[in-house]
Amino acid sequence: RQFPGCGNIVTFSQFLFIAVEGFIFEANFGRKKPAIPIRYYFIMVAMFFTVSVVNNYALNLNIAMPLHMIFRSGSLIASMALGITILKKRYSVSKYTSIALVSLGIFTCTFMSAKQVASDSGSDEEDGLQVFLWWLLGIAALTFALLMSARMGIFQETLYKQFGKHSKEALFYNHALPLPGFLLLAPNIYHHAVLFSQSEPFQVPGIGLTMPIMWFYLFMNVVTQYVCIRGVFILTTECTSLTVTLVVTLRKFVSLIFSILYFRNPFTAWHWLGTAFVFVGTLMYTEVWNSLGPFLARWRKRPKEE
């Protein structure tokens, strides 16, 4: 909130930390040969880079941020559609219903939150048809990014089936290979590093070290991001791409709800309805009722105490 344009230095710091940690503990200072051929990692990184660039560029094509958020919450449906098309998977009716409920719930909450913060910019300086055509191009870009992101998840799932589970290795190469690309952003990163160094001093609790508060925030962000992304990569080795997408989408949903509560934004009846859809859809997807059934049956048959 203090430096809205600091996204590049945050992303670079996250990638650098994970790459250095992986280079030391996973790649053994470059002496360990990757289990998965590195050409596949280049493909994965190219997909990831493409998704990031297209998503960011869509904002320049008359796509408002609320619509951008809503579109990205459709990742579950995109992942399921590509799973059916590419992996020839078939799901039960309850799985289809659960994904639809979760997607509807997240869409409802995101849309209602977007309405609260949306500020329509004037478009009278542009011709209406031209604005609409640029908007259509933006929608096409978002759709492409959504499908490419889902394809990347399926590509990871296929690699793990072929070469085995190597989450730490994948985490390292997915963050080390894109590092040279940050050279293009070096001026912006350096500019914000100077701004961070000029922020107010902060004494770190427990150790008594004094440092600029923005560097402390950045350090905490990098550590928590490392924990988060490592968990996601472990999840990709244990679950299907659709399940991983569900968990990551739920994490985004929890972040949205926490943001609403923490910043005291209105939490309307529509938000409660969306939350209910997400909760019921998640329970249906995990088939918790099937697990509870036998447990409840055994509980009813247990011998009664005298």
Foldseek 3Di string as FASTA:
>chain_A
DVDVPQVLLLLLLLLVVLQVVCCVPPCVVVVRDDLFPCVLLVVLLVLVVLLVVLLVCLVVLLDDPLNSQLLLLCLLVLLVVVCCVPVVDDDDPLLVLLSVLLNVLLNLLSNVVCVVPDDDDDDPVDDPVSSVVSNVVSVVSSVVSSNSVSVSLQSLLVSCVVRNQDLSSSSNSSSVVCNVVCVVVVVVNVVVVVVQQPADWDQDPPPRDIGRVSVVVSVVSSVVVVVVSSVLSNVSRVDGSSVSSLVVSVVVVVVSVVVCVVVVPDCDPSNVSSVVSNVVSVCSNVVVVVVVVVVVVVVVPDDDDD
